[in-house]
Amino acid sequence: MEHHNLDLPKALHAQKGSPLDYVSAFKLVEVLERLFGLHPNWKRMKKVLKEGSEWPMDELDPEFRLSDLEDAIAFGNHKGATKNEDLLKKIVEKDVTYRYGLVLPLDKMKLIPGVS
């Protein structure tokens, strides 16, 4: 970001066509490995990308589905983040420090063309 004078749209525009392009969809595992190979979860993610993943496909009881949906609505979006702010800050700080993530404030995302 400093290289682009802390100008987020400029920094993102400079990544066009690279594996870091924020609109990138699918990349070869070998390309992703150069970027994420040191991430602690990379081996697991690589396995999923190469072999796929398996999910339980048992039929869910309609009453359980409704109960689960009602619980999710009552809990709300991102409540874990708002109720555990100190934990969120600790996790995000670690991700940013080790360059696993880049935290972008939602109000700044409106400055990026194509992001609403």
Protein backbone atom coordinates (compact mmCIF):
# COMPACT_ATOMS: atom_id res chain seq x y z
CA MET A 1 0.00 0.00 0.00
CA GLU A 2 2.83 2.41 0.79
CA HIS A 3 4.21 1.84 -2.71
CA HIS A 4 0.91 3.22 -4.03
CA ASN A 5 0.72 6.13 -1.56
CA LEU A 6 -1.91 4.26 0.49
CA ASP A 7 -4.29 4.56 -2.47
CA LEU A 8 -6.32 1.33 -2.41
CA PRO A 9 -7.91 1.64 -5.87
CA LYS A 10 -4.47 2.39 -7.35
CA ALA A 11 -2.90 -0.58 -5.52
CA LEU A 12 -5.63 -2.94 -6.71
CA HIS A 13 -5.47 -1.62 -10.26
CA ALA A 14 -1.72 -2.34 -10.27
CA GLN A 15 -2.54 -6.02 -9.65
CA LYS A 16 -4.65 -6.43 -12.82
CA GLY A 17 -3.88 -9.73 -14.50
CA SER A 18 -1.76 -11.00 -11.62
CA PRO A 19 -2.71 -13.75 -9.15
CA LEU A 20 -3.39 -10.95 -6.67
CA ASP A 21 -6.04 -9.34 -8.89
CA TYR A 22 -9.07 -9.14 -6.61
CA VAL A 23 -11.38 -10.29 -9.40
CA SER A 24 -9.31 -13.39 -10.13
CA ALA A 25 -11.49 -16.46 -10.20
CA PHE A 26 -9.58 -19.69 -10.70
CA LYS A 27 -5.83 -20.11 -10.71
CA LEU A 28 -3.63 -23.15 -11.09
CA VAL A 29 -2.65 -24.76 -7.79
CA GLU A 30 1.00 -24.14 -8.67
CA VAL A 31 0.31 -20.39 -8.99
CA LEU A 32 -1.60 -20.33 -5.71
CA GLU A 33 1.15 -22.29 -3.98
CA ARG A 34 3.66 -19.53 -4.74
CA LEU A 35 1.35 -17.12 -2.95
CA PHE A 36 -0.04 -19.23 -0.13
CA GLY A 37 2.50 -22.04 0.27
CA LEU A 38 3.66 -20.77 3.67
CA HIS A 39 0.15 -20.32 5.06
CA PRO A 40 -0.48 -22.79 7.90
CA ASN A 41 -3.62 -24.11 6.17
CA TRP A 42 -2.10 -24.39 2.69
CA LYS A 43 -1.58 -28.18 2.70
CA ARG A 44 -5.21 -28.78 3.57
CA MET A 45 -6.42 -26.25 0.99
CA LYS A 46 -4.16 -27.73 -1.70
CA LYS A 47 -5.63 -31.17 -1.03
CA VAL A 48 -9.16 -29.77 -1.38
CA LEU A 49 -8.25 -27.97 -4.60
CA LYS A 50 -6.65 -31.07 -6.13
CA GLU A 51 -8.95 -33.79 -4.78
CA GLY A 52 -12.15 -31.96 -3.92
CA SER A 53 -14.00 -32.22 -0.66
CA GLU A 54 -16.71 -34.45 0.67
CA TRP A 55 -19.77 -33.15 2.44
CA PRO A 56 -22.45 -35.14 4.24
CA MET A 57 -25.47 -35.54 2.04
CA ASP A 58 -27.94 -36.94 4.54
CA GLU A 59 -31.46 -35.60 4.27
CA LEU A 60 -32.11 -33.01 6.96
CA ASP A 61 -35.23 -33.15 9.05
CA PRO A 62 -37.50 -30.20 8.05
CA GLU A 63 -37.99 -29.28 11.73
CA PHE A 64 -34.21 -29.19 12.24
CA ARG A 65 -33.79 -27.00 9.13
CA LEU A 66 -36.38 -24.53 10.38
CA SER A 67 -34.88 -24.48 13.87
CA ASP A 68 -31.38 -23.98 12.44
CA LEU A 69 -32.61 -21.14 10.21
CA GLU A 70 -34.39 -19.44 13.12
CA ASP A 71 -31.24 -19.74 15.25
CA ALA A 72 -29.14 -18.18 12.46
CA ILE A 73 -31.57 -15.28 12.06
CA ALA A 74 -31.65 -14.69 15.83
CA PHE A 75 -27.84 -14.78 15.99
CA GLY A 76 -27.48 -12.34 13.09
CA ASN A 77 -24.60 -11.57 10.78
CA HIS A 78 -21.11 -11.23 12.21
CA LYS A 79 -22.23 -11.41 15.84
CA GLY A 80 -19.11 -13.40 16.66
CA ALA A 81 -17.10 -10.40 15.53
CA THR A 82 -19.17 -7.81 17.36
CA LYS A 83 -19.50 -9.80 20.58
CA ASN A 84 -15.83 -10.84 20.72
CA GLU A 85 -14.11 -7.69 19.50
CA ASP A 86 -10.85 -8.39 21.35
CA LEU A 87 -10.58 -11.87 19.83
CA LEU A 88 -11.38 -10.50 16.37
CA LYS A 89 -8.65 -7.85 16.69
CA LYS A 90 -6.15 -10.49 17.83
CA ILE A 91 -6.96 -12.80 14.88
CA VAL A 92 -6.98 -9.99 12.32
CA GLU A 93 -3.74 -8.52 13.68
CA LYS A 94 -2.04 -11.90 13.33
CA ASP A 95 -3.38 -12.37 9.79
CA VAL A 96 -2.15 -8.93 8.73
CA THR A 97 1.20 -9.27 10.54
CA TYR A 98 1.94 -12.56 8.81
CA ARG A 99 0.48 -11.30 5.51
CA TYR A 100 -2.31 -13.87 5.35
CA GLY A 101 -4.92 -11.17 4.95
CA LEU A 102 -5.50 -7.54 4.13
CA VAL A 103 -8.23 -5.86 6.14
CA LEU A 104 -10.26 -3.43 4.07
CA PRO A 105 -12.81 -1.21 5.84
CA LEU A 106 -16.22 -1.54 4.22
CA ASP A 107 -16.58 2.21 3.74
CA LYS A 108 -13.36 2.23 1.68
CA MET A 109 -14.59 -0.55 -0.62
CA LYS A 110 -16.98 1.91 -2.27
CA LEU A 111 -13.92 3.64 -3.74
CA ILE A 112 -13.06 0.55 -5.77
CA PRO A 113 -14.61 0.45 -9.25
CA GLY A 114 -17.02 -2.46 -9.62
CA VAL A 115 -17.48 -2.96 -5.87
CA SER A 116 -20.78 -1.80 -4.41
